[in-house]
Amino acid sequence: MARSSESSPGGGAAGAPSGAGIPATAAARQVPEHIHRRRWVILAVLMLSLLIVVLDNSILNVAMKTIATPAPTGLGASQSQLEWAINSYTLVFAGLLFTAGLLGDRLGRKKVLLTGLVIFGLGSVLAAVSGSPGQLITFRAVMGLGGALVMPATLAVLMNVFERDEQPKAIGIWAGGVGLAIAIGPIAGGLLLSHFWWGSVFLVNVPIVLIALVAMVLLVPDSKDPRPGRLDPVGVVLSVVGLVLLVYGIIKGGQLADFTDPQVVGTVLGGLLVLAGFVLYEKRIDHPSIDIGHFRKPAFSAAVAAIALVFFALMGVTFFMVFYIQSVRGFSPLQAGLLLLPLAAAQMIFAPRARHVVDRFGAKAVCTVGMLLVAVTMSGFVLMGTDTPIVVLEVLFFIQGTGMAHIMPPVTVSIMQSLPREKAGSGSALNNTFRQVGGTLGVAVLGSVLSATYRNDIEGTLNAVPGLPDAARHAAGESIEATLGVADRLGPAGRQLAAAANDAFVHAMHVTALGSAAVAVLGALVVGLFLPGKAAARPAGPAQEAPRETSPAGRRP
């Protein structure tokens, strides 16, 4: 039965001769002409979908301090509840990313993308009207489900509407969209919190979702794997269970600040065992959800490791930086958002242009230098004290964004171009899964380092506060916000406690930043050793590529 080109933009005419009587450019083209003409408009729509997912998390970072404030201003969320407001989203998001990518390959990426946008919009409304931290955590999980359906589909559609030679440019712009969301999110969050209640930071997603839905229906073509093969329900269940157990264990370890706790060790080991079983099962069956052989390719395995390591370092730093800017330095949410602009601006400026640097020096050199730049900026946070000129932080943010902009596009291109076009959904899902697991691990591990160091430094000062009950003393040691809350209640006598809290937090931030820098250096080593160099990464000629990536129509996908 004939298959329309709309069902798979990567498809070609069956049996068509490659160059008999037609121009070379047309012979090589894998995307239908009517889709090719509107590819940049489609990219804009995809970036709008990406925007809401990234925007929401960057807005939430600015709103955390407000949500931690007691009612009616906030919800009175504790430090652990704030972490779960972030991590409930991450847990569902990371656990279902791989399955969502497979669903897109099988059912159609546009259908999955539209479904994800609707779920994300509904979750945003419910999160906005939450009456307690528990409700917020629950509805953030609903948003995580929607986000899991959206993220893999955007990159998979992109890979199916752009030709291979334009994919690096498109992915660079796509990655620059992340920088745009990082810029817009904190500023929008600060403006909303200046004029409205905290729930407005979630409600703002709704109009963007509605616009994206309409544009998606009208402009974006559907695509899917033309030969998805038989279903692999066992593999899907193993992947979901394994990822959820692993991410939950990581989060729990960060919450308890003890990764040796039996509950943490048991959950993490259980997740790793299930994932090991998933790998063994996928290697043995003839219709695997993911071809494990992809990890034998250095371009693929080194790239996903780099993604995980850079987000480990980045997310751990982002978590404490919000509290440094607002709690220690006293900036408002809007001012905090504006202070993050250099980080976002650098990504918007350099990410779309990273392909030019890669063309000249190769992905290995560019990504290694990018990782080292990230490590330098992480180490540079040690320079920040309670009264350091804020311009130092702005310079560090810009350098950090520059490093990120030269890591994300090349490694994403490396991952996506290592796989056949029809497997774009699962490839995108793997890219995002490693990113989320790395980010979650960063928040949990580095967050626990921050908490443990802070508690150890502030404990002596809290013990010296007269008349403070043991329960209140323990709660005050959980975070700088809790300590400053006690200091406020003490009136003028609390000034010494507030100063000690600021000093303790800055020291804890320094320790955590050095840990982040060490992880970034590890990432540089992985990329430098295993990512293919310029000569190895140069695309092979058509005659060499054809046997490796052949579509059912007899043409390269």
Protein backbone atom coordinates (compact mmCIF):
# COMPACT_ATOMS: atom_id res chain seq x y z
CA MET A 1 0.00 0.00 0.00
CA ALA A 2 1.36 3.44 -0.92
CA ARG A 3 2.53 5.66 1.91
CA SER A 4 2.11 9.40 1.72
CA SER A 5 5.13 11.61 2.15
CA GLU A 6 3.44 13.43 5.02
CA SER A 7 3.51 10.29 7.13
CA SER A 8 7.29 10.26 6.96
CA PRO A 9 9.12 13.29 5.65
CA GLY A 10 12.28 11.24 5.49
CA GLY A 11 10.79 8.86 2.96
CA GLY A 12 11.53 8.81 -0.74
CA ALA A 13 10.01 7.31 -3.86
CA ALA A 14 10.50 3.58 -3.84
CA GLY A 15 13.00 2.42 -6.39
CA ALA A 16 13.73 5.89 -7.72
CA PRO A 17 17.08 6.04 -9.45
CA SER A 18 19.51 8.30 -7.67
CA GLY A 19 20.31 10.87 -10.26
CA ALA A 20 18.91 9.69 -13.60
CA GLY A 21 17.74 12.81 -15.39
CA ILE A 22 17.29 14.96 -12.23
CA PRO A 23 19.57 17.53 -10.58
CA ALA A 24 22.05 16.27 -8.00
CA THR A 25 20.48 18.32 -5.22
CA ALA A 26 17.04 16.86 -5.91
CA ALA A 27 18.45 13.35 -6.13
CA ALA A 28 20.08 13.69 -2.71
CA ARG A 29 17.06 15.32 -1.04
CA GLN A 30 15.27 13.15 1.49
CA VAL A 31 12.62 15.66 2.58
CA PRO A 32 9.58 16.30 0.33
CA GLU A 33 9.69 19.68 -1.39
CA HIS A 34 6.54 21.13 0.21
CA ILE A 35 7.94 20.38 3.68
CA HIS A 36 11.43 21.57 2.76
CA ARG A 37 10.05 24.99 1.77
CA ARG A 38 8.50 25.63 5.18
CA ARG A 39 11.22 23.99 7.30
CA TRP A 40 12.25 27.20 9.09
CA VAL A 41 8.67 28.02 10.03
CA ILE A 42 8.31 24.49 11.38
CA LEU A 43 11.48 24.99 13.41
CA ALA A 44 9.99 28.15 14.93
CA VAL A 45 6.88 26.20 15.98
CA LEU A 46 9.02 23.44 17.48
CA MET A 47 11.02 26.01 19.43
CA LEU A 48 7.77 27.44 20.80
CA SER A 49 6.94 23.97 22.15
CA LEU A 50 10.44 23.64 23.56
CA LEU A 51 10.16 27.12 25.06
CA ILE A 52 7.35 26.25 27.46
CA VAL A 53 9.10 23.17 28.82
CA VAL A 54 12.40 24.97 29.52
CA LEU A 55 10.68 28.23 30.45
CA ASP A 56 8.70 26.56 33.22
CA ASN A 57 11.77 25.22 34.99
CA SER A 58 13.69 28.50 34.72
CA ILE A 59 10.68 30.42 36.07
CA LEU A 60 10.33 27.96 38.97
CA ASN A 61 13.96 28.55 39.98
CA VAL A 62 13.19 32.25 40.52
CA ALA A 63 9.91 31.48 42.33
CA MET A 64 11.36 28.97 44.83
CA LYS A 65 12.07 31.59 47.48
CA THR A 66 8.50 32.97 47.18
CA ILE A 67 6.92 29.49 47.34
CA ALA A 68 8.99 28.81 50.48
CA THR A 69 7.42 31.89 52.15
CA PRO A 70 4.48 31.07 54.46
CA ALA A 71 0.89 31.68 53.28
CA PRO A 72 -0.66 33.86 51.99
CA THR A 73 2.45 35.00 50.07
CA GLY A 74 3.59 31.44 49.31
CA LEU A 75 2.93 27.87 50.37
CA GLY A 76 5.44 27.66 53.20
CA ALA A 77 7.27 24.86 51.42
CA SER A 78 10.27 23.36 53.19
CA GLN A 79 13.64 22.76 51.53
CA SER A 80 12.78 19.11 50.85
CA GLN A 81 9.35 20.06 49.48
CA LEU A 82 10.98 22.59 47.14
CA GLU A 83 13.33 19.87 45.92
CA TRP A 84 10.37 17.57 45.30
CA ALA A 85 8.52 20.32 43.43
CA ILE A 86 11.47 20.23 41.03
CA ASN A 87 12.16 16.52 41.23
CA SER A 88 8.61 15.18 40.87
CA TYR A 89 8.65 16.76 37.42
CA THR A 90 12.10 15.34 36.74
CA LEU A 91 11.20 11.86 38.01
CA VAL A 92 8.24 11.48 35.67
CA PHE A 93 9.99 13.32 32.85
CA ALA A 94 13.14 11.17 32.96
CA GLY A 95 11.26 7.93 33.60
CA LEU A 96 8.99 8.29 30.58
CA LEU A 97 11.28 10.06 28.07
CA PHE A 98 12.47 6.87 26.41
CA THR A 99 8.96 5.44 26.16
CA ALA A 100 7.67 8.76 24.80
CA GLY A 101 10.33 8.69 22.07
CA LEU A 102 9.30 5.16 21.09
CA LEU A 103 5.64 6.18 21.00
CA GLY A 104 6.49 9.05 18.68
CA ASP A 105 8.41 6.75 16.32
CA ARG A 106 5.50 4.30 16.27
CA LEU A 107 2.33 6.42 16.49
CA GLY A 108 3.54 9.66 14.92
CA ARG A 109 5.62 12.43 16.47
CA LYS A 110 3.05 15.15 15.80
CA LYS A 111 0.30 13.22 17.59
CA VAL A 112 2.52 12.62 20.62
CA LEU A 113 3.65 16.27 20.61
CA LEU A 114 0.08 17.59 20.57
CA THR A 115 -0.92 15.21 23.37
CA GLY A 116 2.05 16.33 25.45
CA LEU A 117 1.19 20.01 25.00
CA VAL A 118 -2.40 19.45 26.17
CA ILE A 119 -1.26 17.53 29.27
CA PHE A 120 1.40 20.13 30.04
CA GLY A 121 -1.17 22.93 29.78
CA LEU A 122 -3.64 21.19 32.09
CA GLY A 123 -0.89 20.44 34.60
CA SER A 124 0.13 24.11 34.55
CA VAL A 125 -3.40 25.25 35.42
CA LEU A 126 -3.64 22.75 38.28
CA ALA A 127 -0.18 23.70 39.61
CA ALA A 128 -1.19 27.39 39.59
CA VAL A 129 -4.15 26.76 41.89
CA SER A 130 -2.36 24.37 44.27
CA GLY A 131 -3.36 24.86 47.89
CA SER A 132 -0.45 23.03 49.49
CA PRO A 133 3.11 21.90 48.72
CA GLY A 134 1.80 18.34 48.29
CA GLN A 135 -0.64 19.41 45.57
CA LEU A 136 2.07 21.40 43.82
CA ILE A 137 4.36 18.36 43.81
CA THR A 138 1.57 16.20 42.34
CA PHE A 139 0.64 18.61 39.57
CA ARG A 140 4.30 19.18 38.72
CA ALA A 141 4.43 15.43 38.07
CA VAL A 142 1.53 15.84 35.62
CA MET A 143 3.51 18.57 33.88
CA GLY A 144 6.45 16.16 33.76
CA LEU A 145 4.31 13.68 31.84
CA GLY A 146 3.45 16.35 29.28
CA GLY A 147 7.06 17.49 29.04
CA ALA A 148 8.23 13.91 28.45
CA LEU A 149 5.95 13.68 25.43
CA VAL A 150 7.01 17.08 24.07
CA MET A 151 10.81 17.07 24.32
CA PRO A 152 11.79 14.00 22.23
CA ALA A 153 9.18 14.80 19.60
CA THR A 154 10.51 18.32 18.91
CA LEU A 155 14.01 17.14 18.07
CA ALA A 156 12.71 14.09 16.18
CA VAL A 157 10.49 16.25 13.96
CA LEU A 158 13.42 18.59 13.36
CA MET A 159 15.56 15.69 12.13
CA ASN A 160 12.81 14.73 9.69
CA VAL A 161 12.20 18.16 8.13
CA PHE A 162 15.85 19.17 7.59
CA GLU A 163 18.36 17.61 5.26
CA ARG A 164 21.47 16.14 6.85
CA ASP A 165 23.70 19.05 5.83
CA GLU A 166 21.33 21.58 7.45
CA GLN A 167 20.75 19.60 10.63
CA PRO A 168 23.75 21.07 12.54
CA LYS A 169 22.51 24.60 11.80
CA ALA A 170 18.94 23.73 12.83
CA ILE A 171 20.11 21.99 16.02
CA GLY A 172 22.26 25.02 16.85
CA ILE A 173 19.22 27.29 16.57
CA TRP A 174 17.18 24.75 18.55
CA ALA A 175 19.82 24.80 21.29
CA GLY A 176 19.88 28.60 21.16
CA GLY A 177 16.15 28.43 21.91
CA VAL A 178 17.10 26.93 25.26
CA GLY A 179 19.16 30.05 25.93
CA LEU A 180 16.18 32.20 24.97
CA ALA A 181 13.99 30.33 27.44
CA ILE A 182 16.66 30.72 30.14
CA ALA A 183 16.60 34.48 29.49
CA ILE A 184 12.84 34.89 29.30
CA GLY A 185 11.97 32.58 32.21
CA PRO A 186 13.59 34.35 35.16
CA ILE A 187 12.67 37.82 33.89
CA ALA A 188 9.07 36.80 33.22
CA GLY A 189 8.97 35.09 36.62
CA GLY A 190 10.31 38.19 38.35
CA LEU A 191 7.77 40.44 36.63
CA LEU A 192 4.89 38.09 37.45
CA LEU A 193 5.93 37.75 41.10
CA SER A 194 6.18 41.56 41.36
CA HIS A 195 2.53 41.99 40.36
CA PHE A 196 0.72 38.68 40.89
CA TRP A 197 0.61 35.67 43.19
CA TRP A 198 3.14 32.84 42.90
CA GLY A 199 0.76 30.64 40.83
CA SER A 200 1.03 33.04 37.90
CA VAL A 201 4.44 31.54 37.05
CA PHE A 202 2.60 28.37 36.01
CA LEU A 203 -0.50 29.98 34.54
CA VAL A 204 1.64 31.91 32.04
CA ASN A 205 2.25 28.59 30.24
CA VAL A 206 -1.38 28.32 29.12
CA PRO A 207 -1.49 31.00 26.36
CA ILE A 208 1.83 29.72 24.98
CA VAL A 209 0.43 26.19 24.89
CA LEU A 210 -2.68 27.35 23.04
CA ILE A 211 -0.64 29.22 20.41
CA ALA A 212 1.69 26.24 19.98
CA LEU A 213 -1.25 23.84 19.55
CA VAL A 214 -2.80 25.90 16.76
CA ALA A 215 0.52 26.41 14.97
CA MET A 216 1.35 22.71 15.32
CA VAL A 217 -1.93 21.57 13.78
CA LEU A 218 -1.58 23.95 10.83
CA LEU A 219 2.11 23.76 10.01
CA VAL A 220 3.95 20.74 11.39
CA PRO A 221 3.94 17.49 9.36
CA ASP A 222 3.60 14.13 11.05
CA SER A 223 6.33 11.54 10.76
CA LYS A 224 7.03 8.11 12.18
CA ASP A 225 9.15 5.02 11.65
CA PRO A 226 7.79 3.38 8.47
CA ARG A 227 8.86 -0.03 9.79
CA PRO A 228 8.52 0.12 13.60
CA GLY A 229 8.53 -3.66 13.94
CA ARG A 230 6.76 -5.58 16.66
CA LEU A 231 5.94 -4.05 20.00
CA ASP A 232 8.42 -4.54 22.83
CA PRO A 233 6.24 -4.25 25.96
CA VAL A 234 8.75 -6.00 28.22
CA GLY A 235 11.53 -3.64 27.15
CA VAL A 236 9.30 -0.58 27.67
CA VAL A 237 8.29 -1.69 31.17
CA LEU A 238 11.89 -2.49 32.13
CA SER A 239 13.08 0.93 30.91
CA VAL A 240 10.37 2.81 32.83
CA VAL A 241 10.81 0.84 36.06
CA GLY A 242 14.60 1.03 35.92
CA LEU A 243 14.75 4.77 35.23
CA VAL A 244 12.12 5.62 37.86
CA LEU A 245 13.91 3.55 40.54
CA LEU A 246 17.28 5.05 39.66
CA VAL A 247 16.09 8.66 39.60
CA TYR A 248 14.01 8.20 42.78
CA GLY A 249 17.00 6.75 44.61
CA ILE A 250 19.19 9.66 43.51
CA ILE A 251 16.58 12.19 44.61
CA LYS A 252 16.05 10.42 47.96
CA GLY A 253 19.80 10.40 48.59
CA GLY A 254 19.91 14.14 48.06
CA GLN A 255 16.89 14.67 50.30
CA LEU A 256 18.41 12.62 53.14
CA ALA A 257 21.93 13.96 52.43
CA ASP A 258 23.04 10.36 52.88
CA PHE A 259 23.71 8.14 49.88
CA THR A 260 24.63 5.22 52.17
CA ASP A 261 21.09 4.96 53.59
CA PRO A 262 19.73 1.43 52.92
CA GLN A 263 16.62 2.83 51.26
CA VAL A 264 18.77 4.88 48.88
CA VAL A 265 21.27 2.13 48.13
CA GLY A 266 18.53 -0.44 47.63
CA THR A 267 16.54 1.76 45.26
CA VAL A 268 19.55 2.83 43.19
CA LEU A 269 20.91 -0.72 42.95
CA GLY A 270 17.43 -1.96 42.07
CA GLY A 271 17.19 0.59 39.28
CA LEU A 272 20.64 -0.30 37.95
CA LEU A 273 19.82 -4.02 38.02
CA VAL A 274 16.56 -3.48 36.15
CA LEU A 275 18.35 -1.32 33.55
CA ALA A 276 21.05 -3.99 33.22
CA GLY A 277 18.27 -6.52 32.65
CA PHE A 278 16.80 -4.16 30.05
CA VAL A 279 20.13 -4.04 28.18
CA LEU A 280 20.53 -7.84 28.24
CA TYR A 281 16.95 -8.32 27.11
CA GLU A 282 17.30 -5.82 24.26
CA LYS A 283 20.47 -7.57 23.05
CA ARG A 284 18.72 -10.94 22.88
CA ILE A 285 15.44 -10.12 21.10
CA ASP A 286 15.02 -9.51 17.38
CA HIS A 287 12.74 -6.46 17.79
CA PRO A 288 14.46 -4.29 20.44
CA SER A 289 13.19 -0.88 21.48
CA ILE A 290 16.73 0.41 21.13
CA ASP A 291 19.67 -1.13 19.34
CA ILE A 292 22.30 -1.41 22.09
CA GLY A 293 24.93 -1.55 19.34
CA HIS A 294 24.59 2.24 19.01
CA PHE A 295 26.59 2.59 22.23
CA ARG A 296 29.57 0.93 20.56
CA LYS A 297 29.92 4.06 18.41
CA PRO A 298 32.29 6.54 20.10
CA ALA A 299 30.40 9.47 18.57
CA PHE A 300 27.22 8.28 20.29
CA SER A 301 28.43 6.99 23.66
CA ALA A 302 30.87 9.86 24.32
CA ALA A 303 28.20 12.40 23.38
CA VAL A 304 25.55 11.03 25.76
CA ALA A 305 28.16 10.85 28.55
CA ALA A 306 29.07 14.49 27.88
CA ILE A 307 25.40 15.50 28.04
CA ALA A 308 24.99 13.78 31.42
CA LEU A 309 28.16 15.22 32.94
CA VAL A 310 27.66 18.82 31.83
CA PHE A 311 24.09 18.86 33.16
CA PHE A 312 25.27 17.24 36.40
CA ALA A 313 27.58 20.21 36.92
CA LEU A 314 25.15 22.84 35.63
CA MET A 315 22.00 21.84 37.54
CA GLY A 316 23.81 21.54 40.86
CA VAL A 317 25.18 25.07 40.48
CA THR A 318 21.87 26.53 39.27
CA PHE A 319 20.11 25.22 42.38
CA PHE A 320 22.37 27.06 44.85
CA MET A 321 22.92 30.16 42.70
CA VAL A 322 19.28 31.24 43.07
CA PHE A 323 19.63 31.30 46.85
CA TYR A 324 22.99 33.07 46.68
CA ILE A 325 21.57 35.88 44.52
CA GLN A 326 18.31 36.33 46.43
CA SER A 327 19.02 35.22 50.01
CA VAL A 328 22.67 36.21 50.48
CA ARG A 329 22.87 39.22 48.15
CA GLY A 330 19.28 40.39 48.69
CA PHE A 331 18.19 40.81 45.05
CA SER A 332 14.51 40.57 44.12
CA PRO A 333 13.20 37.77 41.84
CA LEU A 334 13.11 40.21 38.89
CA GLN A 335 16.66 41.38 39.55
CA ALA A 336 17.76 37.74 39.86
CA GLY A 337 16.24 37.05 36.46
CA LEU A 338 18.06 39.99 34.92
CA LEU A 339 21.34 38.82 36.44
CA LEU A 340 20.99 35.51 34.57
CA LEU A 341 20.85 37.31 31.20
CA PRO A 342 24.57 36.91 30.38
CA LEU A 343 24.26 33.13 30.69
CA ALA A 344 21.31 33.09 28.31
CA ALA A 345 22.73 35.72 25.96
CA ALA A 346 25.93 33.74 25.44
CA GLN A 347 23.93 30.63 24.50
CA MET A 348 21.71 32.58 22.11
CA ILE A 349 24.73 34.23 20.46
CA PHE A 350 27.06 31.24 20.15
CA ALA A 351 24.87 28.10 19.95
CA PRO A 352 23.56 28.81 16.40
CA ARG A 353 27.14 29.55 15.27
CA ALA A 354 28.84 26.59 16.95
CA ARG A 355 28.70 24.57 13.73
CA HIS A 356 31.19 26.94 12.09
CA VAL A 357 33.72 26.35 14.86
CA VAL A 358 33.10 22.59 14.65
CA ASP A 359 33.65 22.67 10.88
CA ARG A 360 37.04 24.28 11.43
CA PHE A 361 38.37 22.48 14.51
CA GLY A 362 36.22 19.35 14.90
CA ALA A 363 33.66 18.36 17.55
CA LYS A 364 36.28 16.79 19.86
CA ALA A 365 38.34 19.98 20.21
CA VAL A 366 35.33 22.30 20.44
CA CYS A 367 33.49 20.23 23.07
CA THR A 368 36.66 19.67 25.13
CA VAL A 369 37.37 23.40 25.27
CA GLY A 370 33.68 24.05 26.05
CA MET A 371 33.83 21.61 28.96
CA LEU A 372 36.99 23.24 30.27
CA LEU A 373 35.34 26.67 30.06
CA VAL A 374 32.46 25.34 32.16
CA ALA A 375 34.98 23.93 34.67
CA VAL A 376 36.77 27.30 34.86
CA THR A 377 33.52 29.16 35.56
CA MET A 378 32.49 26.62 38.20
CA SER A 379 35.85 27.18 39.91
CA GLY A 380 35.36 30.92 39.47
CA PHE A 381 32.32 30.86 41.75
CA VAL A 382 34.83 30.46 44.61
CA LEU A 383 35.59 34.16 44.04
CA MET A 384 32.05 35.11 45.03
CA GLY A 385 31.60 36.31 48.60
CA THR A 386 28.94 38.23 50.48
CA ASP A 387 30.05 41.57 49.02
CA THR A 388 31.96 40.69 45.81
CA PRO A 389 31.11 43.09 42.94
CA ILE A 390 28.23 41.53 41.06
CA VAL A 391 29.95 42.18 37.73
CA VAL A 392 32.26 39.23 38.55
CA LEU A 393 29.22 36.94 38.60
CA GLU A 394 28.00 38.38 35.29
CA VAL A 395 31.36 37.65 33.61
CA LEU A 396 31.33 34.10 34.97
CA PHE A 397 27.78 33.56 33.69
CA PHE A 398 28.73 34.77 30.20
CA ILE A 399 31.77 32.48 30.01
CA GLN A 400 29.70 29.57 31.31
CA GLY A 401 27.03 30.19 28.66
CA THR A 402 29.72 30.37 25.99
CA GLY A 403 31.08 27.00 27.06
CA MET A 404 27.59 25.45 27.09
CA ALA A 405 26.85 26.84 23.63
CA HIS A 406 29.87 24.99 22.24
CA ILE A 407 28.93 21.70 23.91
CA MET A 408 25.20 21.17 23.43
CA PRO A 409 24.84 21.58 19.62
CA PRO A 410 27.86 19.41 18.63
CA VAL A 411 27.04 16.54 20.99
CA THR A 412 23.36 16.62 20.02
CA VAL A 413 24.31 16.49 16.33
CA SER A 414 26.69 13.63 17.11
CA ILE A 415 23.93 11.65 18.84
CA MET A 416 21.21 12.29 16.29
CA GLN A 417 23.34 11.72 13.18
CA SER A 418 24.65 8.44 14.61
CA LEU A 419 21.15 6.98 14.24
CA PRO A 420 18.94 6.36 11.18
CA ARG A 421 16.44 9.15 10.52
CA GLU A 422 13.45 6.89 11.24
CA LYS A 423 14.77 6.29 14.79
CA ALA A 424 14.94 10.02 15.54
CA GLY A 425 12.38 9.76 18.35
CA SER A 426 14.26 7.15 20.35
CA GLY A 427 17.56 8.96 19.67
CA SER A 428 16.14 12.24 20.94
CA ALA A 429 14.69 10.43 23.96
CA LEU A 430 18.08 8.94 24.84
CA ASN A 431 19.68 12.38 24.51
CA ASN A 432 17.13 13.91 26.88
CA THR A 433 17.13 10.93 29.27
CA PHE A 434 20.87 11.18 29.89
CA ARG A 435 20.52 14.94 30.29
CA GLN A 436 17.74 14.60 32.86
CA VAL A 437 19.41 11.80 34.82
CA GLY A 438 22.64 13.81 34.88
CA GLY A 439 20.78 16.95 36.01
CA THR A 440 18.86 15.07 38.68
CA LEU A 441 22.04 13.48 39.96
CA GLY A 442 23.63 16.95 40.04
CA VAL A 443 20.82 18.47 42.10
CA ALA A 444 20.74 15.49 44.46
CA VAL A 445 24.47 14.94 44.97
CA LEU A 446 25.65 18.55 44.87
CA GLY A 447 22.53 19.66 46.74
CA SER A 448 23.33 17.21 49.53
CA VAL A 449 26.95 18.44 49.61
CA LEU A 450 25.64 22.00 49.90
CA SER A 451 23.18 21.08 52.68
CA ALA A 452 25.66 19.00 54.68
CA THR A 453 28.39 21.65 54.48
CA TYR A 454 25.96 24.43 55.39
CA ARG A 455 24.53 22.53 58.36
CA ASN A 456 28.01 21.70 59.63
CA ASP A 457 29.06 25.38 59.44
CA ILE A 458 25.91 26.91 60.96
CA GLU A 459 25.35 24.30 63.66
CA GLY A 460 27.62 25.94 66.26
CA THR A 461 25.96 29.34 65.82
CA LEU A 462 22.46 27.82 66.09
CA ASN A 463 23.43 25.93 69.27
CA ALA A 464 24.45 29.25 70.80
CA VAL A 465 21.02 30.86 70.20
CA PRO A 466 19.32 30.97 73.65
CA GLY A 467 15.82 29.52 74.06
CA LEU A 468 15.68 27.88 70.63
CA PRO A 469 13.88 24.48 70.84
CA ASP A 470 15.71 21.45 69.45
CA ALA A 471 13.13 20.90 66.69
CA ALA A 472 13.36 24.55 65.58
CA ARG A 473 17.16 24.39 65.72
CA HIS A 474 17.19 21.30 63.49
CA ALA A 475 14.74 22.89 61.01
CA ALA A 476 16.77 26.11 60.94
CA GLY A 477 19.86 24.15 59.90
CA GLU A 478 18.16 22.71 56.79
CA SER A 479 18.70 25.75 54.59
CA ILE A 480 19.71 29.39 54.61
CA GLU A 481 16.07 30.41 54.15
CA ALA A 482 15.10 28.52 57.30
CA THR A 483 17.97 30.10 59.26
CA LEU A 484 17.12 33.60 58.04
CA GLY A 485 13.50 32.97 59.05
CA VAL A 486 14.64 32.31 62.62
CA ALA A 487 16.89 35.39 62.49
CA ASP A 488 13.94 37.57 61.42
CA ARG A 489 11.87 36.35 64.38
CA LEU A 490 14.70 37.24 66.76
CA GLY A 491 14.62 40.89 65.67
CA PRO A 492 17.83 42.94 66.19
CA ALA A 493 19.37 40.00 68.08
CA GLY A 494 19.16 37.94 64.89
CA ARG A 495 21.60 40.06 62.88
CA GLN A 496 24.58 38.02 64.03
CA LEU A 497 22.76 34.79 63.10
CA ALA A 498 21.90 36.19 59.65
CA ALA A 499 25.53 37.17 59.02
CA ALA A 500 26.70 33.72 60.11
CA ALA A 501 24.11 32.12 57.81
CA ASN A 502 25.38 34.13 54.84
CA ASP A 503 28.99 33.18 55.57
CA ALA A 504 28.09 29.50 56.02
CA PHE A 505 26.15 29.43 52.77
CA VAL A 506 28.94 31.09 50.80
CA HIS A 507 31.43 28.52 52.13
CA ALA A 508 29.05 25.67 51.25
CA MET A 509 28.60 27.20 47.78
CA HIS A 510 32.37 27.25 47.28
CA VAL A 511 32.69 23.56 48.18
CA THR A 512 29.81 22.65 45.87
CA ALA A 513 31.20 24.75 43.00
CA LEU A 514 34.54 22.94 43.20
CA GLY A 515 32.69 19.63 43.05
CA SER A 516 30.89 20.85 39.92
CA ALA A 517 34.20 21.92 38.39
CA ALA A 518 35.66 18.44 38.98
CA VAL A 519 32.69 16.86 37.18
CA ALA A 520 33.13 19.25 34.24
CA VAL A 521 36.83 18.31 34.01
CA LEU A 522 35.79 14.65 33.93
CA GLY A 523 33.46 15.54 31.06
CA ALA A 524 36.35 17.19 29.21
CA LEU A 525 38.40 14.00 29.62
CA VAL A 526 35.58 11.82 28.30
CA VAL A 527 35.05 14.04 25.27
CA GLY A 528 38.77 14.44 24.62
CA LEU A 529 39.41 10.69 24.78
CA PHE A 530 36.37 9.21 23.09
CA LEU A 531 34.58 11.73 20.87
CA PRO A 532 35.80 11.31 17.27
CA GLY A 533 38.17 13.99 16.01
CA LYS A 534 37.77 16.17 12.96
CA ALA A 535 38.94 13.55 10.42
CA ALA A 536 36.92 10.72 11.98
CA ALA A 537 33.77 12.83 12.23
CA ARG A 538 33.86 13.97 8.59
CA PRO A 539 30.80 12.49 6.83
CA ALA A 540 31.48 9.65 4.46
CA GLY A 541 30.51 9.87 0.81
CA PRO A 542 27.12 8.68 -0.38
CA ALA A 543 28.48 5.36 -1.52
CA GLN A 544 29.87 4.71 1.95
CA GLU A 545 26.81 5.91 3.85
CA ALA A 546 24.16 4.09 1.89
CA PRO A 547 24.75 0.61 3.34
CA ARG A 548 24.75 2.01 6.89
CA GLU A 549 21.49 3.94 6.76
CA THR A 550 19.08 2.46 4.28
CA SER A 551 15.38 3.21 4.37
CA PRO A 552 12.64 0.82 3.21
CA ALA A 553 12.48 2.80 -0.03
CA GLY A 554 16.10 1.95 -0.81
CA ARG A 555 17.40 5.42 0.00
CA ARG A 556 19.29 6.96 2.88
CA PRO A 557 16.86 8.21 5.53
